[in-house]
């Protein structure tokens, strides 16, 4: 696996090398996930396929009912 090097700006923004942006089709504003690993930080692009895999994961959890009851409780 070929390794690439990027930089971090003074604002903490990561600069991803152009070849990786092209390979993973990353555009400005593309969402990424940061994961803590024993060996360091893993940065993963949240591509359509990742989003598709997560779609519906909370289905059937009745979260809308829970959110409404939590809001009602907080208002009282």
PDB file of N, CA and C in Angstrom:
ATOM      1  N   UNK A   1       0.847  -1.176   0.000  1.00  0.00           N
ATOM      2  CA  UNK A   1       0.000   0.000   0.000  1.00  0.00           C
ATOM      3  C   UNK A   1       0.893   1.240   0.000  1.00  0.00           C
ATOM      4  N   UNK A   2       0.664   2.119  -0.950  1.00  0.00           N
ATOM      5  CA  UNK A   2       1.443   3.345  -1.060  1.00  0.00           C
ATOM      6  C   UNK A   2       1.050   4.307   0.050  1.00  0.00           C
ATOM      7  N   UNK A   3       2.033   4.943   0.664  1.00  0.00           N
ATOM      8  CA  UNK A   3       1.766   5.901   1.738  1.00  0.00           C
ATOM      9  C   UNK A   3       1.822   7.311   1.186  1.00  0.00           C
ATOM     10  N   UNK A   4       0.981   8.175   1.720  1.00  0.00           N
ATOM     11  CA  UNK A   4       0.945   9.580   1.337  1.00  0.00           C
ATOM     12  C   UNK A   4       1.078  10.426   2.587  1.00  0.00           C
ATOM     13  N   UNK A   5       1.551  11.633   2.410  1.00  0.00           N
ATOM     14  CA  UNK A   5       1.734  12.553   3.524  1.00  0.00           C
ATOM     15  C   UNK A   5       0.916  13.808   3.282  1.00  0.00           C
ATOM     16  N   UNK A   6       0.256  14.277   4.323  1.00  0.00           N
ATOM     17  CA  UNK A   6      -0.502  15.516   4.252  1.00  0.00           C
ATOM     18  C   UNK A   6       0.011  16.468   5.310  1.00  0.00           C
ATOM     19  N   UNK A   7      -0.689  17.549   5.507  1.00  0.00           N
ATOM     20  CA  UNK A   7      -0.307  18.542   6.513  1.00  0.00           C
ATOM     21  C   UNK A   7      -1.528  18.972   7.307  1.00  0.00           C
ATOM     22  N   UNK A   8      -1.264  19.576   8.467  1.00  0.00           N
ATOM     23  CA  UNK A   8      -2.325  20.164   9.265  1.00  0.00           C
ATOM     24  C   UNK A   8      -2.098  21.667   9.295  1.00  0.00           C
ATOM     25  N   UNK A   9      -3.164  22.423   9.068  1.00  0.00           N
ATOM     26  CA  UNK A   9      -3.059  23.879   9.081  1.00  0.00           C
ATOM     27  C   UNK A   9      -3.049  24.380  10.529  1.00  0.00           C
ATOM     28  N   UNK A  10      -2.808  25.674  10.670  1.00  0.00           N
ATOM     29  CA  UNK A  10      -2.796  26.280  12.011  1.00  0.00           C
ATOM     30  C   UNK A  10      -4.174  26.225  12.661  1.00  0.00           C
ATOM     31  N   UNK A  11      -5.219  26.012  11.862  1.00  0.00           N
ATOM     32  CA  UNK A  11      -6.591  25.900  12.380  1.00  0.00           C
ATOM     33  C   UNK A  11      -6.989  24.450  12.646  1.00  0.00           C
ATOM     34  N   UNK A  12      -6.040  23.514  12.490  1.00  0.00           N
ATOM     35  CA  UNK A  12      -6.347  22.110  12.738  1.00  0.00           C
ATOM     36  C   UNK A  12      -6.980  21.402  11.558  1.00  0.00           C
ATOM     37  N   UNK A  13      -6.997  22.036  10.402  1.00  0.00           N
ATOM     38  CA  UNK A  13      -7.580  21.421   9.210  1.00  0.00           C
ATOM     39  C   UNK A  13      -6.548  20.528   8.536  1.00  0.00           C
ATOM     40  N   UNK A  14      -6.988  19.325   8.160  1.00  0.00           N
ATOM     41  CA  UNK A  14      -6.095  18.400   7.486  1.00  0.00           C
ATOM     42  C   UNK A  14      -6.108  18.637   5.987  1.00  0.00           C
ATOM     43  N   UNK A  15      -4.942  18.588   5.390  1.00  0.00           N
ATOM     44  CA  UNK A  15      -4.814  18.728   3.940  1.00  0.00           C
ATOM     45  C   UNK A  15      -4.548  17.335   3.380  1.00  0.00           C
ATOM     46  N   UNK A  16      -5.522  16.808   2.657  1.00  0.00           N
ATOM     47  CA  UNK A  16      -5.428  15.465   2.080  1.00  0.00           C
ATOM     48  C   UNK A  16      -4.765  15.582   0.711  1.00  0.00           C
ATOM     49  N   UNK A  17      -3.755  14.771   0.441  1.00  0.00           N
ATOM     50  CA  UNK A  17      -3.077  14.845  -0.856  1.00  0.00           C
ATOM     51  C   UNK A  17      -4.061  14.687  -2.023  1.00  0.00           C
ATOM     52  N   UNK A  18      -3.785  15.425  -3.109  1.00  0.00           N
ATOM     53  CA  UNK A  18      -4.671  15.455  -4.287  1.00  0.00           C
ATOM     54  C   UNK A  18      -4.925  14.060  -4.849  1.00  0.00           C
ATOM     55  N   UNK A  19      -3.901  13.200  -4.876  1.00  0.00           N
ATOM     56  CA  UNK A  19      -4.091  11.860  -5.446  1.00  0.00           C
ATOM     57  C   UNK A  19      -5.124  11.053  -4.657  1.00  0.00           C
ATOM     58  N   UNK A  20      -5.158  11.232  -3.346  1.00  0.00           N
ATOM     59  CA  UNK A  20      -6.155  10.530  -2.527  1.00  0.00           C
ATOM     60  C   UNK A  20      -7.545  11.141  -2.705  1.00  0.00           C
ATOM     61  N   UNK A  21      -7.597  12.473  -2.817  1.00  0.00           N
ATOM     62  CA  UNK A  21      -8.898  13.120  -3.055  1.00  0.00           C
ATOM     63  C   UNK A  21      -9.497  12.637  -4.362  1.00  0.00           C
ATOM     64  N   UNK A  22      -8.666  12.503  -5.386  1.00  0.00           N
ATOM     65  CA  UNK A  22      -9.165  12.006  -6.685  1.00  0.00           C
ATOM     66  C   UNK A  22      -9.594  10.543  -6.572  1.00  0.00           C
ATOM     67  N   UNK A  23      -8.752   9.731  -5.948  1.00  0.00           N
ATOM     68  CA  UNK A  23      -9.031   8.292  -5.841  1.00  0.00           C
ATOM     69  C   UNK A  23     -10.345   8.027  -5.102  1.00  0.00           C
ATOM     70  N   UNK A  24     -10.588   8.778  -4.041  1.00  0.00           N
ATOM     71  CA  UNK A  24     -11.796   8.563  -3.235  1.00  0.00           C
ATOM     72  C   UNK A  24     -12.913   9.542  -3.577  1.00  0.00           C
ATOM     73  N   UNK A  25     -12.696  10.321  -4.649  1.00  0.00           N
ATOM     74  CA  UNK A  25     -13.701  11.265  -5.145  1.00  0.00           C
ATOM     75  C   UNK A  25     -14.185  12.204  -4.039  1.00  0.00           C
ATOM     76  N   UNK A  26     -13.234  12.769  -3.291  1.00  0.00           N
ATOM     77  CA  UNK A  26     -13.549  13.686  -2.203  1.00  0.00           C
ATOM     78  C   UNK A  26     -13.599  15.108  -2.731  1.00  0.00           C
ATOM     79  N   UNK A  27     -14.696  15.770  -2.473  1.00  0.00           N
ATOM     80  CA  UNK A  27     -14.879  17.166  -2.858  1.00  0.00           C
ATOM     81  C   UNK A  27     -14.827  18.026  -1.603  1.00  0.00           C
ATOM     82  N   UNK A  28     -14.708  19.314  -1.789  1.00  0.00           N
ATOM     83  CA  UNK A  28     -14.728  20.246  -0.664  1.00  0.00           C
ATOM     84  C   UNK A  28     -16.014  20.035   0.136  1.00  0.00           C
ATOM     85  N   UNK A  29     -15.887  19.939   1.427  1.00  0.00           N
ATOM     86  CA  UNK A  29     -17.046  19.737   2.293  1.00  0.00           C
ATOM     87  C   UNK A  29     -17.459  18.289   2.469  1.00  0.00           C
ATOM     88  N   UNK A  30     -16.706  17.355   1.866  1.00  0.00           N
ATOM     89  CA  UNK A  30     -17.054  15.929   1.979  1.00  0.00           C
ATOM     90  C   UNK A  30     -16.921  15.494   3.449  1.00  0.00           C
ATOM     91  N   UNK A  31     -17.901  14.747   3.956  1.00  0.00           N
ATOM     92  CA  UNK A  31     -17.828  14.302   5.348  1.00  0.00           C
ATOM     93  C   UNK A  31     -16.801  13.187   5.526  1.00  0.00           C
ATOM     94  N   UNK A  32     -16.096  13.233   6.648  1.00  0.00           N
ATOM     95  CA  UNK A  32     -15.133  12.187   7.004  1.00  0.00           C
ATOM     96  C   UNK A  32     -15.367  11.798   8.453  1.00  0.00           C
ATOM     97  N   UNK A  33     -14.914  10.616   8.812  1.00  0.00           N
ATOM     98  CA  UNK A  33     -15.031  10.125  10.192  1.00  0.00           C
ATOM     99  C   UNK A  33     -13.620   9.955  10.742  1.00  0.00           C
ATOM    100  N   UNK A  34     -13.423  10.366  11.993  1.00  0.00           N
ATOM    101  CA  UNK A  34     -12.164  10.184  12.690  1.00  0.00           C
ATOM    102  C   UNK A  34     -12.354   9.086  13.730  1.00  0.00           C
ATOM    103  N   UNK A  35     -11.497   8.082  13.692  1.00  0.00           N
ATOM    104  CA  UNK A  35     -11.578   6.974  14.642  1.00  0.00           C
ATOM    105  C   UNK A  35     -10.272   6.872  15.412  1.00  0.00           C
ATOM    106  N   UNK A  36     -10.405   6.738  16.725  1.00  0.00           N
ATOM    107  CA  UNK A  36      -9.223   6.522  17.562  1.00  0.00           C
ATOM    108  C   UNK A  36      -8.815   5.060  17.438  1.00  0.00           C
ATOM    109  N   UNK A  37      -7.561   4.823  17.168  1.00  0.00           N
ATOM    110  CA  UNK A  37      -7.004   3.476  17.074  1.00  0.00           C
ATOM    111  C   UNK A  37      -5.770   3.404  17.949  1.00  0.00           C
ATOM    112  N   UNK A  38      -5.411   2.215  18.345  1.00  0.00           N
ATOM    113  CA  UNK A  38      -4.221   2.036  19.167  1.00  0.00           C
ATOM    114  C   UNK A  38      -2.991   2.641  18.480  1.00  0.00           C
ATOM    115  N   UNK A  39      -2.916   2.472  17.162  1.00  0.00           N
ATOM    116  CA  UNK A  39      -1.744   2.946  16.418  1.00  0.00           C
ATOM    117  C   UNK A  39      -1.841   4.404  15.980  1.00  0.00           C
ATOM    118  N   UNK A  40      -2.981   5.070  16.229  1.00  0.00           N
ATOM    119  CA  UNK A  40      -3.132   6.476  15.853  1.00  0.00           C
ATOM    120  C   UNK A  40      -4.551   6.808  15.457  1.00  0.00           C
ATOM    121  N   UNK A  41      -4.703   7.805  14.629  1.00  0.00           N
ATOM    122  CA  UNK A  41      -6.021   8.272  14.184  1.00  0.00           C
ATOM    123  C   UNK A  41      -6.271   7.778  12.760  1.00  0.00           C
ATOM    124  N   UNK A  42      -7.431   7.179  12.552  1.00  0.00           N
ATOM    125  CA  UNK A  42      -7.837   6.729  11.227  1.00  0.00           C
ATOM    126  C   UNK A  42      -8.868   7.726  10.697  1.00  0.00           C
ATOM    127  N   UNK A  43      -8.648   8.219   9.485  1.00  0.00           N
ATOM    128  CA  UNK A  43      -9.582   9.147   8.839  1.00  0.00           C
ATOM    129  C   UNK A  43     -10.247   8.395   7.699  1.00  0.00           C
ATOM    130  N   UNK A  44     -11.584   8.288   7.763  1.00  0.00           N
ATOM    131  CA  UNK A  44     -12.337   7.562   6.733  1.00  0.00           C
ATOM    132  C   UNK A  44     -13.314   8.493   6.042  1.00  0.00           C
ATOM    133  N   UNK A  45     -13.319   8.475   4.725  1.00  0.00           N
ATOM    134  CA  UNK A  45     -14.345   9.256   4.028  1.00  0.00           C
ATOM    135  C   UNK A  45     -15.709   8.591   4.221  1.00  0.00           C
ATOM    136  N   UNK A  46     -16.720   9.405   4.444  1.00  0.00           N
ATOM    137  CA  UNK A  46     -18.086   8.888   4.547  1.00  0.00           C
ATOM    138  C   UNK A  46     -18.702   8.983   3.158  1.00  0.00           C
ATOM    139  N   UNK A  47     -18.456   7.972   2.378  1.00  0.00           N
ATOM    140  CA  UNK A  47     -18.942   7.932   1.005  1.00  0.00           C
ATOM    141  C   UNK A  47     -20.392   7.473   0.975  1.00  0.00           C
ATOM    142  N   UNK A  48     -20.984   7.548  -0.189  1.00  0.00           N
ATOM    143  CA  UNK A  48     -22.373   7.101  -0.360  1.00  0.00           C
ATOM    144  C   UNK A  48     -22.553   5.666   0.126  1.00  0.00           C
ATOM    145  N   UNK A  49     -21.573   4.795  -0.141  1.00  0.00           N
ATOM    146  CA  UNK A  49     -21.718   3.395   0.252  1.00  0.00           C
ATOM    147  C   UNK A  49     -21.765   3.249   1.770  1.00  0.00           C
ATOM    148  N   UNK A  50     -20.979   4.049   2.491  1.00  0.00           N
ATOM    149  CA  UNK A  50     -21.005   3.998   3.957  1.00  0.00           C
ATOM    150  C   UNK A  50     -22.347   4.511   4.457  1.00  0.00           C
ATOM    151  N   UNK A  51     -22.811   5.603   3.876  1.00  0.00           N
ATOM    152  CA  UNK A  51     -24.104   6.161   4.273  1.00  0.00           C
ATOM    153  C   UNK A  51     -25.222   5.169   3.972  1.00  0.00           C
ATOM    154  N   UNK A  52     -25.158   4.507   2.803  1.00  0.00           N
ATOM    155  CA  UNK A  52     -26.152   3.499   2.451  1.00  0.00           C
ATOM    156  C   UNK A  52     -26.163   2.357   3.462  1.00  0.00           C
ATOM    157  N   UNK A  53     -24.993   1.943   3.936  1.00  0.00           N
ATOM    158  CA  UNK A  53     -24.916   0.857   4.913  1.00  0.00           C
ATOM    159  C   UNK A  53     -25.568   1.252   6.230  1.00  0.00           C
ATOM    160  N   UNK A  54     -25.478   2.538   6.589  1.00  0.00           N
ATOM    161  CA  UNK A  54     -26.034   3.006   7.857  1.00  0.00           C
ATOM    162  C   UNK A  54     -27.516   3.342   7.755  1.00  0.00           C
ATOM    163  N   UNK A  55     -28.004   3.527   6.525  1.00  0.00           N
ATOM    164  CA  UNK A  55     -29.408   3.895   6.330  1.00  0.00           C
ATOM    165  C   UNK A  55     -30.322   2.834   6.941  1.00  0.00           C
ATOM    166  N   UNK A  56     -31.231   3.285   7.777  1.00  0.00           N
ATOM    167  CA  UNK A  56     -32.216   2.380   8.365  1.00  0.00           C
ATOM    168  C   UNK A  56     -31.739   1.665   9.610  1.00  0.00           C
ATOM    169  N   UNK A  57     -30.526   1.951  10.070  1.00  0.00           N
ATOM    170  CA  UNK A  57     -29.976   1.229  11.218  1.00  0.00           C
ATOM    171  C   UNK A  57     -30.791   1.480  12.494  1.00  0.00           C
ATOM    172  N   UNK A  58     -31.454   2.638  12.569  1.00  0.00           N
ATOM    173  CA  UNK A  58     -32.238   2.968  13.756  1.00  0.00           C
ATOM    174  C   UNK A  58     -33.732   2.709  13.564  1.00  0.00           C
ATOM    175  N   UNK A  59     -34.073   2.137  12.431  1.00  0.00           N
ATOM    176  CA  UNK A  59     -35.475   1.858  12.137  1.00  0.00           C
ATOM    177  C   UNK A  59     -36.055   0.911  13.193  1.00  0.00           C
ATOM    178  N   UNK A  60     -37.268   1.221  13.624  1.00  0.00           N
ATOM    179  CA  UNK A  60     -37.946   0.367  14.599  1.00  0.00           C
ATOM    180  C   UNK A  60     -37.558   0.646  16.040  1.00  0.00           C
ATOM    181  N   UNK A  61     -36.756   1.661  16.269  1.00  0.00           N
ATOM    182  CA  UNK A  61     -36.314   1.986  17.631  1.00  0.00           C
ATOM    183  C   UNK A  61     -37.253   2.970  18.322  1.00  0.00           C
ATOM    184  N   UNK A  62     -38.296   3.418  17.619  1.00  0.00           N
ATOM    185  CA  UNK A  62     -39.272   4.366  18.162  1.00  0.00           C
ATOM    186  C   UNK A  62     -38.606   5.614  18.721  1.00  0.00           C
ATOM    187  N   UNK A  63     -37.585   6.102  18.027  1.00  0.00           N
ATOM    188  CA  UNK A  63     -36.862   7.269  18.502  1.00  0.00           C
ATOM    189  C   UNK A  63     -37.715   8.525  18.462  1.00  0.00           C
ATOM    190  N   UNK A  64     -38.611   8.636  17.494  1.00  0.00           N
ATOM    191  CA  UNK A  64     -39.440   9.848  17.435  1.00  0.00           C
ATOM    192  C   UNK A  64     -40.316   9.937  18.679  1.00  0.00           C
ATOM    193  N   UNK A  65     -40.856   8.811  19.158  1.00  0.00           N
ATOM    194  CA  UNK A  65     -41.660   8.810  20.383  1.00  0.00           C
ATOM    195  C   UNK A  65     -40.808   9.211  21.581  1.00  0.00           C
ATOM    196  N   UNK A  66     -39.583   8.683  21.651  1.00  0.00           N
ATOM    197  CA  UNK A  66     -38.691   9.003  22.766  1.00  0.00           C
ATOM    198  C   UNK A  66     -38.297  10.473  22.740  1.00  0.00           C
ATOM    199  N   UNK A  67     -38.009  11.000  21.562  1.00  0.00           N
ATOM    200  CA  UNK A  67     -37.630  12.410  21.445  1.00  0.00           C
ATOM    201  C   UNK A  67     -38.779  13.298  21.876  1.00  0.00           C
ATOM    202  N   UNK A  68     -39.996  12.957  21.439  1.00  0.00           N
ATOM    203  CA  UNK A  68     -41.161  13.749  21.827  1.00  0.00           C
ATOM    204  C   UNK A  68     -41.381  13.701  23.334  1.00  0.00           C
ATOM    205  N   UNK A  69     -41.255  12.535  23.949  1.00  0.00           N
ATOM    206  CA  UNK A  69     -41.464  12.443  25.395  1.00  0.00           C
ATOM    207  C   UNK A  69     -40.369  13.189  26.142  1.00  0.00           C
ATOM    208  N   UNK A  70     -39.136  13.137  25.650  1.00  0.00           N
ATOM    209  CA  UNK A  70     -38.046  13.889  26.268  1.00  0.00           C
ATOM    210  C   UNK A  70     -38.308  15.399  26.169  1.00  0.00           C
ATOM    211  N   UNK A  71     -38.794  15.847  25.017  1.00  0.00           N
ATOM    212  CA  UNK A  71     -39.114  17.274  24.845  1.00  0.00           C
ATOM    213  C   UNK A  71     -40.229  17.678  25.781  1.00  0.00           C
ATOM    214  N   UNK A  72     -41.273  16.832  25.884  1.00  0.00           N
ATOM    215  CA  UNK A  72     -42.383  17.145  26.792  1.00  0.00           C
ATOM    216  C   UNK A  72     -41.880  17.246  28.222  1.00  0.00           C
ATOM    217  N   UNK A  73     -41.010  16.334  28.623  1.00  0.00           N
ATOM    218  CA  UNK A  73     -40.462  16.346  29.980  1.00  0.00           C
ATOM    219  C   UNK A  73     -39.641  17.611  30.214  1.00  0.00           C
ATOM    220  N   UNK A  74     -38.850  18.011  29.238  1.00  0.00           N
ATOM    221  CA  UNK A  74     -38.007  19.190  29.391  1.00  0.00           C
ATOM    222  C   UNK A  74     -38.820  20.473  29.445  1.00  0.00           C
ATOM    223  N   UNK A  75     -39.963  20.494  28.774  1.00  0.00           N
ATOM    224  CA  UNK A  75     -40.806  21.695  28.771  1.00  0.00           C
ATOM    225  C   UNK A  75     -41.482  21.873  30.123  1.00  0.00           C
ATOM    226  N   UNK A  76     -41.839  20.771  30.764  1.00  0.00           N
ATOM    227  CA  UNK A  76     -42.544  20.837  32.076  1.00  0.00           C
ATOM    228  C   UNK A  76     -41.676  21.347  33.135  1.00  0.00           C
TER     229      UNK A  76
END
